[in-house]
Amino acid sequence: MKTLVIITHPNFEQSVVNKRWTEELQGLADVTVHKLHGKELMFAVSTGAPKENYHAEGSNKYTVEELLRPLEATGNLIGTLVLPPFIQYGMMGISAREYAKAVLA
């Protein structure tokens, strides 16, 4: 049976949860880390800001993919197959209907 691990957190760039997850994975005993070896890993990220803000000249200065690099490196270190991320931009202040449309698109 194949296992897919998905890490999700809104407002990724300020996520204490994702920072702590990375730190804990790096400090785990070999036995625990081997349980994730060979599993698929995907990051699901939503941002409050629009996509235009996520580039070198934008207000956030980095793309979301660049912000994910340390977590992807941790996934590679423990032997997971890191899949392309699922990213939803500009989610702050949208209606439930707009959110559903964006997620189901």
PDB file of N, CA and C in Angstrom:
ATOM      1  N   MET A   1       0.841  -1.182   0.000  1.00  0.00           N
ATOM      2  CA  MET A   1       0.000   0.000   0.000  1.00  0.00           C
ATOM      3  C   MET A   1       0.885   1.243   0.000  1.00  0.00           C
ATOM      4  N   LYS A   2       0.566   2.187  -0.853  1.00  0.00           N
ATOM      5  CA  LYS A   2       1.311   3.427  -0.991  1.00  0.00           C
ATOM      6  C   LYS A   2       0.781   4.460  -0.001  1.00  0.00           C
ATOM      7  N   THR A   3       1.676   5.214   0.590  1.00  0.00           N
ATOM      8  CA  THR A   3       1.288   6.261   1.536  1.00  0.00           C
ATOM      9  C   THR A   3       1.741   7.611   1.010  1.00  0.00           C
ATOM     10  N   LEU A   4       0.848   8.575   1.058  1.00  0.00           N
ATOM     11  CA  LEU A   4       1.162   9.944   0.678  1.00  0.00           C
ATOM     12  C   LEU A   4       1.043  10.806   1.923  1.00  0.00           C
ATOM     13  N   VAL A   5       2.098  11.506   2.263  1.00  0.00           N
ATOM     14  CA  VAL A   5       2.095  12.416   3.410  1.00  0.00           C
ATOM     15  C   VAL A   5       1.897  13.821   2.856  1.00  0.00           C
ATOM     16  N   ILE A   6       0.876  14.522   3.335  1.00  0.00           N
ATOM     17  CA  ILE A   6       0.612  15.892   2.894  1.00  0.00           C
ATOM     18  C   ILE A   6       0.756  16.809   4.100  1.00  0.00           C
ATOM     19  N   ILE A   7       1.599  17.806   3.969  1.00  0.00           N
ATOM     20  CA  ILE A   7       1.762  18.811   5.012  1.00  0.00           C
ATOM     21  C   ILE A   7       1.055  20.066   4.519  1.00  0.00           C
ATOM     22  N   THR A   8       0.133  20.563   5.325  1.00  0.00           N
ATOM     23  CA  THR A   8      -0.625  21.736   4.902  1.00  0.00           C
ATOM     24  C   THR A   8      -0.609  22.803   5.989  1.00  0.00           C
ATOM     25  N   HIS A   9      -0.545  24.028   5.559  1.00  0.00           N
ATOM     26  CA  HIS A   9      -0.652  25.127   6.501  1.00  0.00           C
ATOM     27  C   HIS A   9      -0.911  26.407   5.727  1.00  0.00           C
ATOM     28  N   PRO A  10      -1.913  27.165   6.150  1.00  0.00           N
ATOM     29  CA  PRO A  10      -2.110  28.463   5.510  1.00  0.00           C
ATOM     30  C   PRO A  10      -1.015  29.423   5.954  1.00  0.00           C
ATOM     31  N   ASN A  11      -0.822  30.450   5.174  1.00  0.00           N
ATOM     32  CA  ASN A  11       0.152  31.487   5.493  1.00  0.00           C
ATOM     33  C   ASN A  11       1.514  30.867   5.764  1.00  0.00           C
ATOM     34  N   PHE A  12       1.948  30.045   4.830  1.00  0.00           N
ATOM     35  CA  PHE A  12       3.144  29.224   4.992  1.00  0.00           C
ATOM     36  C   PHE A  12       4.370  30.001   5.439  1.00  0.00           C
ATOM     37  N   GLU A  13       4.599  31.145   4.839  1.00  0.00           N
ATOM     38  CA  GLU A  13       5.858  31.846   5.091  1.00  0.00           C
ATOM     39  C   GLU A  13       6.029  32.274   6.539  1.00  0.00           C
ATOM     40  N   GLN A  14       4.950  32.297   7.317  1.00  0.00           N
ATOM     41  CA  GLN A  14       5.040  32.666   8.722  1.00  0.00           C
ATOM     42  C   GLN A  14       4.670  31.502   9.629  1.00  0.00           C
ATOM     43  N   SER A  15       4.731  30.286   9.108  1.00  0.00           N
ATOM     44  CA  SER A  15       4.236  29.131   9.826  1.00  0.00           C
ATOM     45  C   SER A  15       5.224  28.590  10.860  1.00  0.00           C
ATOM     46  N   VAL A  16       4.881  28.747  12.122  1.00  0.00           N
ATOM     47  CA  VAL A  16       5.668  28.163  13.200  1.00  0.00           C
ATOM     48  C   VAL A  16       5.522  26.645  13.161  1.00  0.00           C
ATOM     49  N   VAL A  17       4.352  26.164  12.764  1.00  0.00           N
ATOM     50  CA  VAL A  17       4.110  24.722  12.680  1.00  0.00           C
ATOM     51  C   VAL A  17       5.080  24.070  11.704  1.00  0.00           C
ATOM     52  N   ASN A  18       5.221  24.614  10.501  1.00  0.00           N
ATOM     53  CA  ASN A  18       6.129  24.020   9.519  1.00  0.00           C
ATOM     54  C   ASN A  18       7.582  24.144   9.944  1.00  0.00           C
ATOM     55  N   LYS A  19       7.951  25.226  10.587  1.00  0.00           N
ATOM     56  CA  LYS A  19       9.326  25.380  11.087  1.00  0.00           C
ATOM     57  C   LYS A  19       9.611  24.303  12.128  1.00  0.00           C
ATOM     58  N   ARG A  20       8.693  24.122  13.043  1.00  0.00           N
ATOM     59  CA  ARG A  20       8.891  23.115  14.101  1.00  0.00           C
ATOM     60  C   ARG A  20       8.919  21.710  13.509  1.00  0.00           C
ATOM     61  N   TRP A  21       8.043  21.442  12.520  1.00  0.00           N
ATOM     62  CA  TRP A  21       8.018  20.125  11.874  1.00  0.00           C
ATOM     63  C   TRP A  21       9.380  19.812  11.279  1.00  0.00           C
ATOM     64  N   THR A  22       9.982  20.781  10.611  1.00  0.00           N
ATOM     65  CA  THR A  22      11.295  20.587  10.002  1.00  0.00           C
ATOM     66  C   THR A  22      12.343  20.301  11.068  1.00  0.00           C
ATOM     67  N   GLU A  23      12.336  21.086  12.139  1.00  0.00           N
ATOM     68  CA  GLU A  23      13.317  20.894  13.206  1.00  0.00           C
ATOM     69  C   GLU A  23      13.169  19.525  13.856  1.00  0.00           C
ATOM     70  N   GLU A  24      11.926  19.098  14.088  1.00  0.00           N
ATOM     71  CA  GLU A  24      11.709  17.805  14.727  1.00  0.00           C
ATOM     72  C   GLU A  24      12.109  16.652  13.817  1.00  0.00           C
ATOM     73  N   LEU A  25      11.802  16.740  12.522  1.00  0.00           N
ATOM     74  CA  LEU A  25      12.193  15.673  11.611  1.00  0.00           C
ATOM     75  C   LEU A  25      13.703  15.518  11.557  1.00  0.00           C
ATOM     76  N   GLN A  26      14.409  16.638  11.591  1.00  0.00           N
ATOM     77  CA  GLN A  26      15.861  16.573  11.526  1.00  0.00           C
ATOM     78  C   GLN A  26      16.448  15.942  12.785  1.00  0.00           C
ATOM     79  N   GLY A  27      15.714  15.998  13.899  1.00  0.00           N
ATOM     80  CA  GLY A  27      16.229  15.450  15.153  1.00  0.00           C
ATOM     81  C   GLY A  27      15.690  14.081  15.520  1.00  0.00           C
ATOM     82  N   LEU A  28      14.863  13.480  14.669  1.00  0.00           N
ATOM     83  CA  LEU A  28      14.270  12.182  14.990  1.00  0.00           C
ATOM     84  C   LEU A  28      15.297  11.062  14.980  1.00  0.00           C
ATOM     85  N   ALA A  29      15.021  10.042  15.765  1.00  0.00           N
ATOM     86  CA  ALA A  29      15.856   8.838  15.758  1.00  0.00           C
ATOM     87  C   ALA A  29      15.705   8.142  14.411  1.00  0.00           C
ATOM     88  N   ASP A  30      16.734   7.423  13.987  1.00  0.00           N
ATOM     89  CA  ASP A  30      16.727   6.730  12.695  1.00  0.00           C
ATOM     90  C   ASP A  30      15.516   5.831  12.514  1.00  0.00           C
ATOM     91  N   VAL A  31      15.084   5.165  13.559  1.00  0.00           N
ATOM     92  CA  VAL A  31      13.965   4.230  13.447  1.00  0.00           C
ATOM     93  C   VAL A  31      12.710   4.949  12.972  1.00  0.00           C
ATOM     94  N   THR A  32      12.415   6.117  13.542  1.00  0.00           N
ATOM     95  CA  THR A  32      11.227   6.876  13.167  1.00  0.00           C
ATOM     96  C   THR A  32      11.339   7.425  11.757  1.00  0.00           C
ATOM     97  N   VAL A  33      12.493   7.960  11.415  1.00  0.00           N
ATOM     98  CA  VAL A  33      12.695   8.524  10.092  1.00  0.00           C
ATOM     99  C   VAL A  33      12.512   7.454   9.018  1.00  0.00           C
ATOM    100  N   HIS A  34      12.960   6.248   9.281  1.00  0.00           N
ATOM    101  CA  HIS A  34      12.837   5.176   8.294  1.00  0.00           C
ATOM    102  C   HIS A  34      11.381   4.831   7.991  1.00  0.00           C
ATOM    103  N   LYS A  35      10.466   5.155   8.882  1.00  0.00           N
ATOM    104  CA  LYS A  35       9.039   4.924   8.613  1.00  0.00           C
ATOM    105  C   LYS A  35       8.544   5.819   7.485  1.00  0.00           C
ATOM    106  N   LEU A  36       9.193   6.967   7.267  1.00  0.00           N
ATOM    107  CA  LEU A  36       8.802   7.879   6.190  1.00  0.00           C
ATOM    108  C   LEU A  36       9.581   7.618   4.906  1.00  0.00           C
ATOM    109  N   HIS A  37      10.663   6.867   4.993  1.00  0.00           N
ATOM    110  CA  HIS A  37      11.504   6.579   3.831  1.00  0.00           C
ATOM    111  C   HIS A  37      10.663   5.917   2.728  1.00  0.00           C
ATOM    112  N   GLY A  38      10.768   6.446   1.511  1.00  0.00           N
ATOM    113  CA  GLY A  38      10.034   5.889   0.379  1.00  0.00           C
ATOM    114  C   GLY A  38       8.609   6.388   0.221  1.00  0.00           C
ATOM    115  N   LYS A  39       8.118   7.165   1.169  1.00  0.00           N
ATOM    116  CA  LYS A  39       6.756   7.707   1.089  1.00  0.00           C
ATOM    117  C   LYS A  39       6.760   8.956   0.204  1.00  0.00           C
ATOM    118  N   GLU A  40       5.619   9.234  -0.392  1.00  0.00           N
ATOM    119  CA  GLU A  40       5.452  10.467  -1.157  1.00  0.00           C
ATOM    120  C   GLU A  40       5.096  11.598  -0.202  1.00  0.00           C
ATOM    121  N   LEU A  41       5.666  12.768  -0.440  1.00  0.00           N
ATOM    122  CA  LEU A  41       5.449  13.930   0.423  1.00  0.00           C
ATOM    123  C   LEU A  41       5.010  15.107  -0.438  1.00  0.00           C
ATOM    124  N   MET A  42       3.925  15.740  -0.040  1.00  0.00           N
ATOM    125  CA  MET A  42       3.421  16.911  -0.771  1.00  0.00           C
ATOM    126  C   MET A  42       3.101  18.010   0.227  1.00  0.00           C
ATOM    127  N   PHE A  43       3.402  19.234  -0.170  1.00  0.00           N
ATOM    128  CA  PHE A  43       3.056  20.390   0.640  1.00  0.00           C
ATOM    129  C   PHE A  43       1.868  21.094  -0.012  1.00  0.00           C
ATOM    130  N   ALA A  44       0.831  21.332   0.777  1.00  0.00           N
ATOM    131  CA  ALA A  44      -0.342  22.082   0.324  1.00  0.00           C
ATOM    132  C   ALA A  44      -0.292  23.433   1.041  1.00  0.00           C
ATOM    133  N   VAL A  45      -0.178  24.497   0.264  1.00  0.00           N
ATOM    134  CA  VAL A  45       0.048  25.825   0.826  1.00  0.00           C
ATOM    135  C   VAL A  45      -0.994  26.805   0.304  1.00  0.00           C
ATOM    136  N   SER A  46      -1.519  27.605   1.221  1.00  0.00           N
ATOM    137  CA  SER A  46      -2.368  28.714   0.786  1.00  0.00           C
ATOM    138  C   SER A  46      -1.740  29.999   1.302  1.00  0.00           C
ATOM    139  N   THR A  47      -1.813  31.037   0.497  1.00  0.00           N
ATOM    140  CA  THR A  47      -1.256  32.333   0.888  1.00  0.00           C
ATOM    141  C   THR A  47      -2.369  33.371   0.954  1.00  0.00           C
ATOM    142  N   GLY A  48      -2.181  34.353   1.788  1.00  0.00           N
ATOM    143  CA  GLY A  48      -3.131  35.456   1.822  1.00  0.00           C
ATOM    144  C   GLY A  48      -2.913  36.400   0.652  1.00  0.00           C
ATOM    145  N   ALA A  49      -1.662  36.548   0.262  1.00  0.00           N
ATOM    146  CA  ALA A  49      -1.298  37.495  -0.801  1.00  0.00           C
ATOM    147  C   ALA A  49      -1.455  36.861  -2.183  1.00  0.00           C
ATOM    148  N   PRO A  50      -1.635  37.691  -3.217  1.00  0.00           N
ATOM    149  CA  PRO A  50      -1.733  37.166  -4.581  1.00  0.00           C
ATOM    150  C   PRO A  50      -0.375  36.671  -5.091  1.00  0.00           C
ATOM    151  N   LYS A  51      -0.404  35.887  -6.156  1.00  0.00           N
ATOM    152  CA  LYS A  51       0.806  35.301  -6.726  1.00  0.00           C
ATOM    153  C   LYS A  51       1.835  36.364  -7.108  1.00  0.00           C
ATOM    154  N   GLU A  52       1.371  37.530  -7.563  1.00  0.00           N
ATOM    155  CA  GLU A  52       2.278  38.598  -7.993  1.00  0.00           C
ATOM    156  C   GLU A  52       3.242  39.028  -6.876  1.00  0.00           C
ATOM    157  N   ASN A  53       2.878  38.802  -5.629  1.00  0.00           N
ATOM    158  CA  ASN A  53       3.733  39.190  -4.502  1.00  0.00           C
ATOM    159  C   ASN A  53       4.890  38.226  -4.282  1.00  0.00           C
ATOM    160  N   TYR A  54       4.825  37.050  -4.906  1.00  0.00           N
ATOM    161  CA  TYR A  54       5.808  35.990  -4.652  1.00  0.00           C
ATOM    162  C   TYR A  54       6.811  35.874  -5.796  1.00  0.00           C
ATOM    163  N   HIS A  55       7.740  36.830  -5.869  1.00  0.00           N
ATOM    164  CA  HIS A  55       8.859  36.797  -6.807  1.00  0.00           C
ATOM    165  C   HIS A  55       9.896  37.787  -6.292  1.00  0.00           C
ATOM    166  N   ALA A  56      11.064  37.816  -6.917  1.00  0.00           N
ATOM    167  CA  ALA A  56      12.188  38.626  -6.423  1.00  0.00           C
ATOM    168  C   ALA A  56      11.833  40.098  -6.241  1.00  0.00           C
ATOM    169  N   GLU A  57      11.002  40.663  -7.117  1.00  0.00           N
ATOM    170  CA  GLU A  57      10.643  42.068  -7.016  1.00  0.00           C
ATOM    171  C   GLU A  57       9.327  42.283  -6.252  1.00  0.00           C
ATOM    172  N   GLY A  58       8.664  41.212  -5.872  1.00  0.00           N
ATOM    173  CA  GLY A  58       7.402  41.315  -5.145  1.00  0.00           C
ATOM    174  C   GLY A  58       7.618  41.612  -3.671  1.00  0.00           C
ATOM    175  N   SER A  59       6.535  41.861  -2.958  1.00  0.00           N
ATOM    176  CA  SER A  59       6.649  42.236  -1.547  1.00  0.00           C
ATOM    177  C   SER A  59       7.206  41.111  -0.679  1.00  0.00           C
ATOM    178  N   ASN A  60       7.043  39.855  -1.103  1.00  0.00           N
ATOM    179  CA  ASN A  60       7.555  38.728  -0.317  1.00  0.00           C
ATOM    180  C   ASN A  60       8.973  38.312  -0.717  1.00  0.00           C
ATOM    181  N   LYS A  61       9.476  38.815  -1.838  1.00  0.00           N
ATOM    182  CA  LYS A  61      10.853  38.632  -2.315  1.00  0.00           C
ATOM    183  C   LYS A  61      11.222  37.219  -2.776  1.00  0.00           C
ATOM    184  N   TYR A  62      10.377  36.234  -2.544  1.00  0.00           N
ATOM    185  CA  TYR A  62      10.661  34.854  -2.930  1.00  0.00           C
ATOM    186  C   TYR A  62       9.401  34.208  -3.492  1.00  0.00           C
ATOM    187  N   THR A  63       9.587  33.208  -4.332  1.00  0.00           N
ATOM    188  CA  THR A  63       8.438  32.417  -4.773  1.00  0.00           C
ATOM    189  C   THR A  63       8.081  31.441  -3.648  1.00  0.00           C
ATOM    190  N   VAL A  64       6.880  30.916  -3.674  1.00  0.00           N
ATOM    191  CA  VAL A  64       6.490  29.921  -2.673  1.00  0.00           C
ATOM    192  C   VAL A  64       7.385  28.695  -2.817  1.00  0.00           C
ATOM    193  N   GLU A  65       7.716  28.336  -4.049  1.00  0.00           N
ATOM    194  CA  GLU A  65       8.603  27.196  -4.267  1.00  0.00           C
ATOM    195  C   GLU A  65       9.957  27.406  -3.587  1.00  0.00           C
ATOM    196  N   GLU A  66      10.469  28.631  -3.647  1.00  0.00           N
ATOM    197  CA  GLU A  66      11.738  28.933  -2.967  1.00  0.00           C
ATOM    198  C   GLU A  66      11.586  28.832  -1.447  1.00  0.00           C
ATOM    199  N   LEU A  67      10.450  29.275  -0.934  1.00  0.00           N
ATOM    200  CA  LEU A  67      10.199  29.192   0.507  1.00  0.00           C
ATOM    201  C   LEU A  67      10.076  27.740   0.974  1.00  0.00           C
ATOM    202  N   LEU A  68       9.657  26.862   0.082  1.00  0.00           N
ATOM    203  CA  LEU A  68       9.504  25.443   0.429  1.00  0.00           C
ATOM    204  C   LEU A  68      10.814  24.663   0.400  1.00  0.00           C
ATOM    205  N   ARG A  69      11.857  25.220  -0.199  1.00  0.00           N
ATOM    206  CA  ARG A  69      13.113  24.485  -0.391  1.00  0.00           C
ATOM    207  C   ARG A  69      13.663  23.832   0.879  1.00  0.00           C
ATOM    208  N   PRO A  70      13.696  24.500   2.036  1.00  0.00           N
ATOM    209  CA  PRO A  70      14.223  23.832   3.237  1.00  0.00           C
ATOM    210  C   PRO A  70      13.401  22.595   3.633  1.00  0.00           C
ATOM    211  N   LEU A  71      12.087  22.678   3.476  1.00  0.00           N
ATOM    212  CA  LEU A  71      11.249  21.526   3.811  1.00  0.00           C
ATOM    213  C   LEU A  71      11.449  20.395   2.806  1.00  0.00           C
ATOM    214  N   GLU A  72      11.596  20.748   1.522  1.00  0.00           N
ATOM    215  CA  GLU A  72      11.874  19.736   0.512  1.00  0.00           C
ATOM    216  C   GLU A  72      13.221  19.071   0.785  1.00  0.00           C
ATOM    217  N   ALA A  73      14.207  19.859   1.207  1.00  0.00           N
ATOM    218  CA  ALA A  73      15.526  19.306   1.527  1.00  0.00           C
ATOM    219  C   ALA A  73      15.422  18.305   2.677  1.00  0.00           C
ATOM    220  N   THR A  74      14.592  18.625   3.666  1.00  0.00           N
ATOM    221  CA  THR A  74      14.388  17.698   4.780  1.00  0.00           C
ATOM    222  C   THR A  74      13.730  16.415   4.284  1.00  0.00           C
ATOM    223  N   GLY A  75      12.742  16.568   3.399  1.00  0.00           N
ATOM    224  CA  GLY A  75      12.099  15.387   2.817  1.00  0.00           C
ATOM    225  C   GLY A  75      13.090  14.524   2.063  1.00  0.00           C
ATOM    226  N   ASN A  76      13.970  15.160   1.298  1.00  0.00           N
ATOM    227  CA  ASN A  76      15.005  14.412   0.581  1.00  0.00           C
ATOM    228  C   ASN A  76      15.954  13.724   1.549  1.00  0.00           C
ATOM    229  N   LEU A  77      16.310  14.394   2.627  1.00  0.00           N
ATOM    230  CA  LEU A  77      17.227  13.853   3.620  1.00  0.00           C
ATOM    231  C   LEU A  77      16.687  12.567   4.243  1.00  0.00           C
ATOM    232  N   ILE A  78      15.390  12.524   4.487  1.00  0.00           N
ATOM    233  CA  ILE A  78      14.809  11.337   5.128  1.00  0.00           C
ATOM    234  C   ILE A  78      14.289  10.322   4.115  1.00  0.00           C
ATOM    235  N   GLY A  79      14.525  10.581   2.835  1.00  0.00           N
ATOM    236  CA  GLY A  79      14.221   9.586   1.811  1.00  0.00           C
ATOM    237  C   GLY A  79      12.802   9.583   1.283  1.00  0.00           C
ATOM    238  N   THR A  80      12.087  10.701   1.396  1.00  0.00           N
ATOM    239  CA  THR A  80      10.753  10.760   0.805  1.00  0.00           C
ATOM    240  C   THR A  80      10.848  11.208  -0.647  1.00  0.00           C
ATOM    241  N   LEU A  81       9.825  10.910  -1.415  1.00  0.00           N
ATOM    242  CA  LEU A  81       9.720  11.394  -2.789  1.00  0.00           C
ATOM    243  C   LEU A  81       8.893  12.670  -2.728  1.00  0.00           C
ATOM    244  N   VAL A  82       9.536  13.810  -2.887  1.00  0.00           N
ATOM    245  CA  VAL A  82       8.856  15.099  -2.762  1.00  0.00           C
ATOM    246  C   VAL A  82       8.137  15.412  -4.070  1.00  0.00           C
ATOM    247  N   LEU A  83       6.823  15.551  -3.988  1.00  0.00           N
ATOM    248  CA  LEU A  83       5.981  15.863  -5.140  1.00  0.00           C
ATOM    249  C   LEU A  83       5.852  17.379  -5.304  1.00  0.00           C
ATOM    250  N   PRO A  84       5.438  17.833  -6.481  1.00  0.00           N
ATOM    251  CA  PRO A  84       5.209  19.273  -6.659  1.00  0.00           C
ATOM    252  C   PRO A  84       4.145  19.765  -5.670  1.00  0.00           C
ATOM    253  N   PRO A  85       4.308  20.975  -5.146  1.00  0.00           N
ATOM    254  CA  PRO A  85       3.353  21.478  -4.154  1.00  0.00           C
ATOM    255  C   PRO A  85       2.009  21.863  -4.776  1.00  0.00           C
ATOM    256  N   PHE A  86       0.990  21.865  -3.944  1.00  0.00           N
ATOM    257  CA  PHE A  86      -0.322  22.394  -4.300  1.00  0.00           C
ATOM    258  C   PHE A  86      -0.381  23.774  -3.662  1.00  0.00           C
ATOM    259  N   ILE A  87      -0.492  24.818  -4.477  1.00  0.00           N
ATOM    260  CA  ILE A  87      -0.436  26.192  -3.970  1.00  0.00           C
ATOM    261  C   ILE A  87      -1.698  26.945  -4.388  1.00  0.00           C
ATOM    262  N   GLN A  88      -2.333  27.577  -3.425  1.00  0.00           N
ATOM    263  CA  GLN A  88      -3.458  28.464  -3.683  1.00  0.00           C
ATOM    264  C   GLN A  88      -3.069  29.862  -3.210  1.00  0.00           C
ATOM    265  N   TYR A  89      -3.048  30.808  -4.126  1.00  0.00           N
ATOM    266  CA  TYR A  89      -2.648  32.184  -3.819  1.00  0.00           C
ATOM    267  C   TYR A  89      -3.868  33.058  -3.536  1.00  0.00           C
ATOM    268  N   GLY A  90      -3.647  34.142  -2.789  1.00  0.00           N
ATOM    269  CA  GLY A  90      -4.654  35.181  -2.603  1.00  0.00           C
ATOM    270  C   GLY A  90      -5.911  34.722  -1.892  1.00  0.00           C
ATOM    271  N   MET A  91      -5.765  33.927  -0.861  1.00  0.00           N
ATOM    272  CA  MET A  91      -6.940  33.363  -0.201  1.00  0.00           C
ATOM    273  C   MET A  91      -7.511  34.264   0.891  1.00  0.00           C
ATOM    274  N   MET A  92      -6.779  35.283   1.299  1.00  0.00           N
ATOM    275  CA  MET A  92      -7.277  36.156   2.352  1.00  0.00           C
ATOM    276  C   MET A  92      -8.463  36.982   1.852  1.00  0.00           C
ATOM    277  N   GLY A  93      -9.520  36.945   2.585  1.00  0.00           N
ATOM    278  CA  GLY A  93     -10.656  37.794   2.273  1.00  0.00           C
ATOM    279  C   GLY A  93     -11.564  37.304   1.157  1.00  0.00           C
ATOM    280  N   ILE A  94     -11.416  36.052   0.703  1.00  0.00           N
ATOM    281  CA  ILE A  94     -12.319  35.574  -0.342  1.00  0.00           C
ATOM    282  C   ILE A  94     -13.524  34.879   0.290  1.00  0.00           C
ATOM    283  N   SER A  95     -14.586  34.804  -0.451  1.00  0.00           N
ATOM    284  CA  SER A  95     -15.808  34.175   0.049  1.00  0.00           C
ATOM    285  C   SER A  95     -15.680  32.649   0.006  1.00  0.00           C
ATOM    286  N   ALA A  96     -16.565  31.970   0.700  1.00  0.00           N
ATOM    287  CA  ALA A  96     -16.578  30.501   0.700  1.00  0.00           C
ATOM    288  C   ALA A  96     -16.786  29.965  -0.715  1.00  0.00           C
ATOM    289  N   ARG A  97     -17.608  30.628  -1.490  1.00  0.00           N
ATOM    290  CA  ARG A  97     -17.865  30.205  -2.868  1.00  0.00           C
ATOM    291  C   ARG A  97     -16.606  30.339  -3.729  1.00  0.00           C
ATOM    292  N   GLU A  98     -15.910  31.474  -3.591  1.00  0.00           N
ATOM    293  CA  GLU A  98     -14.660  31.677  -4.337  1.00  0.00           C
ATOM    294  C   GLU A  98     -13.599  30.649  -3.914  1.00  0.00           C
ATOM    295  N   TYR A  99     -13.563  30.356  -2.607  1.00  0.00           N
ATOM    296  CA  TYR A  99     -12.610  29.364  -2.103  1.00  0.00           C
ATOM    297  C   TYR A  99     -12.888  27.987  -2.712  1.00  0.00           C
ATOM    298  N   ALA A 100     -14.134  27.571  -2.682  1.00  0.00           N
ATOM    299  CA  ALA A 100     -14.497  26.270  -3.246  1.00  0.00           C
ATOM    300  C   ALA A 100     -14.159  26.201  -4.735  1.00  0.00           C
ATOM    301  N   LYS A 101     -14.413  27.271  -5.443  1.00  0.00           N
ATOM    302  CA  LYS A 101     -14.104  27.304  -6.882  1.00  0.00           C
ATOM    303  C   LYS A 101     -12.608  27.177  -7.117  1.00  0.00           C
ATOM    304  N   ALA A 102     -11.797  27.869  -6.300  1.00  0.00           N
ATOM    305  CA  ALA A 102     -10.333  27.823  -6.455  1.00  0.00           C
ATOM    306  C   ALA A 102      -9.794  26.436  -6.140  1.00  0.00           C
ATOM    307  N   VAL A 103     -10.291  25.816  -5.083  1.00  0.00           N
ATOM    308  CA  VAL A 103      -9.797  24.509  -4.661  1.00  0.00           C
ATOM    309  C   VAL A 103     -10.218  23.427  -5.644  1.00  0.00           C
ATOM    310  N   LEU A 104     -11.409  23.526  -6.184  1.00  0.00           N
ATOM    311  CA  LEU A 104     -11.916  22.476  -7.078  1.00  0.00           C
ATOM    312  C   LEU A 104     -11.477  22.677  -8.532  1.00  0.00           C
ATOM    313  N   ALA A 105     -10.838  23.793  -8.824  1.00  0.00           N
ATOM    314  CA  ALA A 105     -10.414  24.083 -10.212  1.00  0.00           C
ATOM    315  C   ALA A 105      -9.352  23.122 -10.692  1.00  0.00           C
TER     316      ALA A 105
END
